[in-house]
Amino acid sequence: MGAPRDGGVLFEACDQSSYKSLDVHRSTSSTKHPKSIWNPEVSRAEECHTFCGAKLQQWHDENGDCWAIAKDGQVDFGTHEERVAFFWAPKNSADPWHGFPVGGRRGLSFSRKPPDGLIKRWHDSGTISFEKYLKLLQGRW
């Protein structure tokens, strides 16, 4: 388990980076504004592991942010069945990464679509099926 820090749990992650599992993405009671919340079945350590998988596979966008999806999108990362996770690249190299689940369904205030090129890479590598590939391209999953 990582070390508790103000506002979350800090992990020594992969590739000489640190990752902070933020409390505001773990409980609706820890924030005034709506946030996406990690599924309680995804432990903080699994959250960090998901980040490391995305980072090591270079699942990033043009801003350096990382994205993750489980094999064919079979894991609900979030409490609203979000199947994709998004990880902000820190602005300063000393700051930790952090992330949260995102979805493509209408009505989610935390909807965010992975880049088309990354979706194609997920399909080409066998991470997602052609059906899931089409859904992601259309912004629905």
Foldseek 3Di string as FASTA:
>chain_A
DAPDDVQFGKDCAPPRAIETEGPVQDDVVVDPDDDWHFDPVCDPVNQRVQVRVQVVVVQADPQRKTKGFAQQLPDQGTPVSQGMKIKDDDPDRVDHIYIHGEFQDPPDPRHDARDLVSLVVCPVVNSHDPVSSVCSVVSHD
